[in-house]
Amino acid sequence: MTMQQRIVARLTEALEPQTLDIVDESDRHAGHAGVRSGPGHAQTVGGTHYRVKIVSSKFAGRNRVERHRMVYDLLPAEFADGLHALALVAKAPGEP
């Protein structure tokens, strides 16, 4: 399972989103600390940086920090396996 598939599965199971859009932006971060590279192997681009937009009723009544914390708390294994950054937009249904 790819990193993107893992993220989608975890967020879908826990947050039951009405909308979940996820885009791998790892290629925009070549040379960044989160992109794996080193002596003896080629730079690996992909699976490290994502842009996520999620709309879930589970975010209702929660502020931005709480919403982000909810998402990050669902992904400890992914961060341990190389996920480096999320650009996150988390909203409740009906919010602009």
Foldseek 3Di string as FASTA:
>chain_A
DALVVVLCVLCCVPFVFPDKDKDWPQVVQVVHPLFDDDPPDDTDTTLAEMEIETEGQVCPPPDPVVQVCVSVVSQPVSVVVRHHYYNYHYYYPPDD
